[in-house]
């Protein structure tokens, strides 16, 4: 897998052999009648999880999940992504 696509020309970056596993959300998506405390679980102890609450794709510059619950009390799109060496 190459992070930067180069259609029609050779890849000039080192490829990735594997992906980090996806974080696991403590709640399924949906609508809730009261606030929830969302937790993110990392399947790998070597991975670092980053998340966003605006629907954008998480990157290494997004908020790093510190294992504290994320309190959601209004409609919010949470996306999370794990990064591992």
C-alpha atoms as a PDB file:
ATOM      1  CA  UNK A   1       0.000   0.000   0.000  1.00  0.00           C
ATOM      2  CA  UNK A   2       1.238   3.471  -0.881  1.00  0.00           C
ATOM      3  CA  UNK A   3      -0.175   6.474   0.989  1.00  0.00           C
ATOM      4  CA  UNK A   4       0.292   8.830  -1.977  1.00  0.00           C
ATOM      5  CA  UNK A   5      -1.117   7.519  -5.260  1.00  0.00           C
ATOM      6  CA  UNK A   6       0.972   8.018  -8.395  1.00  0.00           C
ATOM      7  CA  UNK A   7      -1.226   6.818 -11.281  1.00  0.00           C
ATOM      8  CA  UNK A   8       0.741   6.138 -14.452  1.00  0.00           C
ATOM      9  CA  UNK A   9       4.199   6.715 -12.937  1.00  0.00           C
ATOM     10  CA  UNK A  10       6.441   4.657 -10.614  1.00  0.00           C
ATOM     11  CA  UNK A  11       5.995   5.006  -6.859  1.00  0.00           C
ATOM     12  CA  UNK A  12       8.884   6.916  -5.324  1.00  0.00           C
ATOM     13  CA  UNK A  13       8.035   6.323  -1.663  1.00  0.00           C
ATOM     14  CA  UNK A  14       8.367   3.276   0.544  1.00  0.00           C
ATOM     15  CA  UNK A  15       5.204   1.215   0.676  1.00  0.00           C
ATOM     16  CA  UNK A  16       3.423   0.002   3.787  1.00  0.00           C
ATOM     17  CA  UNK A  17       3.166  -3.730   4.380  1.00  0.00           C
ATOM     18  CA  UNK A  18       0.270  -3.633   6.847  1.00  0.00           C
ATOM     19  CA  UNK A  19      -2.440  -1.419   8.287  1.00  0.00           C
ATOM     20  CA  UNK A  20      -2.995  -0.684  11.966  1.00  0.00           C
ATOM     21  CA  UNK A  21      -6.228  -2.218  13.211  1.00  0.00           C
ATOM     22  CA  UNK A  22      -9.223   0.081  13.530  1.00  0.00           C
ATOM     23  CA  UNK A  23     -10.105   1.450  16.974  1.00  0.00           C
ATOM     24  CA  UNK A  24     -13.234  -0.024  18.551  1.00  0.00           C
ATOM     25  CA  UNK A  25     -15.985   2.357  19.724  1.00  0.00           C
ATOM     26  CA  UNK A  26     -17.745   1.665  23.038  1.00  0.00           C
ATOM     27  CA  UNK A  27     -21.098   2.689  21.496  1.00  0.00           C
ATOM     28  CA  UNK A  28     -22.563   1.982  18.082  1.00  0.00           C
ATOM     29  CA  UNK A  29     -23.573   4.963  15.999  1.00  0.00           C
ATOM     30  CA  UNK A  30     -27.079   6.243  16.434  1.00  0.00           C
ATOM     31  CA  UNK A  31     -29.231   8.747  18.261  1.00  0.00           C
ATOM     32  CA  UNK A  32     -29.296   8.894  22.047  1.00  0.00           C
ATOM     33  CA  UNK A  33     -31.796  10.626  24.328  1.00  0.00           C
ATOM     34  CA  UNK A  34     -29.090  11.693  26.791  1.00  0.00           C
ATOM     35  CA  UNK A  35     -25.348  12.361  26.838  1.00  0.00           C
ATOM     36  CA  UNK A  36     -22.983   9.406  26.389  1.00  0.00           C
ATOM     37  CA  UNK A  37     -19.371   8.839  27.380  1.00  0.00           C
ATOM     38  CA  UNK A  38     -17.661   7.385  24.330  1.00  0.00           C
ATOM     39  CA  UNK A  39     -14.524   5.312  24.818  1.00  0.00           C
ATOM     40  CA  UNK A  40     -12.132   4.143  22.107  1.00  0.00           C
ATOM     41  CA  UNK A  41     -10.311   0.851  22.435  1.00  0.00           C
ATOM     42  CA  UNK A  42      -7.036   0.194  20.624  1.00  0.00           C
ATOM     43  CA  UNK A  43      -6.700  -3.425  19.463  1.00  0.00           C
ATOM     44  CA  UNK A  44      -2.895  -3.012  19.520  1.00  0.00           C
ATOM     45  CA  UNK A  45      -0.966  -1.707  22.523  1.00  0.00           C
ATOM     46  CA  UNK A  46       1.614  -0.213  20.126  1.00  0.00           C
ATOM     47  CA  UNK A  47      -0.902   1.927  18.238  1.00  0.00           C
ATOM     48  CA  UNK A  48      -1.820   5.554  18.942  1.00  0.00           C
ATOM     49  CA  UNK A  49      -5.398   6.631  18.276  1.00  0.00           C
ATOM     50  CA  UNK A  50      -6.339  10.052  16.905  1.00  0.00           C
ATOM     51  CA  UNK A  51      -9.905  11.282  16.536  1.00  0.00           C
ATOM     52  CA  UNK A  52     -11.986  14.131  15.169  1.00  0.00           C
ATOM     53  CA  UNK A  53     -15.439  15.388  16.103  1.00  0.00           C
ATOM     54  CA  UNK A  54     -16.140  17.341  12.924  1.00  0.00           C
ATOM     55  CA  UNK A  55     -16.422  14.412  10.506  1.00  0.00           C
ATOM     56  CA  UNK A  56     -12.968  14.934   8.974  1.00  0.00           C
ATOM     57  CA  UNK A  57     -10.501  12.078   8.499  1.00  0.00           C
ATOM     58  CA  UNK A  58      -8.183  11.824  11.539  1.00  0.00           C
ATOM     59  CA  UNK A  59      -4.469  12.399  10.968  1.00  0.00           C
ATOM     60  CA  UNK A  60      -1.451  12.480  13.264  1.00  0.00           C
ATOM     61  CA  UNK A  61      -2.195  16.185  13.886  1.00  0.00           C
ATOM     62  CA  UNK A  62      -5.755  15.482  15.119  1.00  0.00           C
ATOM     63  CA  UNK A  63      -6.651  15.123  18.795  1.00  0.00           C
ATOM     64  CA  UNK A  64      -4.809  12.199  20.366  1.00  0.00           C
ATOM     65  CA  UNK A  65      -7.082   9.918  22.355  1.00  0.00           C
ATOM     66  CA  UNK A  66      -5.823   9.792  25.954  1.00  0.00           C
ATOM     67  CA  UNK A  67      -8.160   7.008  27.172  1.00  0.00           C
ATOM     68  CA  UNK A  68     -10.510   9.476  28.854  1.00  0.00           C
ATOM     69  CA  UNK A  69     -14.141   9.184  27.765  1.00  0.00           C
ATOM     70  CA  UNK A  70     -15.314  11.669  25.145  1.00  0.00           C
ATOM     71  CA  UNK A  71     -18.570  13.146  26.459  1.00  0.00           C
ATOM     72  CA  UNK A  72     -21.096  13.680  23.681  1.00  0.00           C
ATOM     73  CA  UNK A  73     -24.210  15.678  24.513  1.00  0.00           C
ATOM     74  CA  UNK A  74     -25.276  16.787  21.050  1.00  0.00           C
ATOM     75  CA  UNK A  75     -25.191  15.438  17.510  1.00  0.00           C
ATOM     76  CA  UNK A  76     -21.510  14.816  16.767  1.00  0.00           C
ATOM     77  CA  UNK A  77     -19.677  12.839  14.102  1.00  0.00           C
ATOM     78  CA  UNK A  78     -16.723  11.093  15.706  1.00  0.00           C
ATOM     79  CA  UNK A  79     -14.096   9.449  13.529  1.00  0.00           C
ATOM     80  CA  UNK A  80     -11.063   7.616  14.883  1.00  0.00           C
ATOM     81  CA  UNK A  81      -7.959   6.146  13.302  1.00  0.00           C
ATOM     82  CA  UNK A  82      -5.030   4.224  14.762  1.00  0.00           C
ATOM     83  CA  UNK A  83      -1.415   4.748  13.718  1.00  0.00           C
ATOM     84  CA  UNK A  84       1.321   2.231  14.416  1.00  0.00           C
ATOM     85  CA  UNK A  85       4.996   2.067  13.464  1.00  0.00           C
END
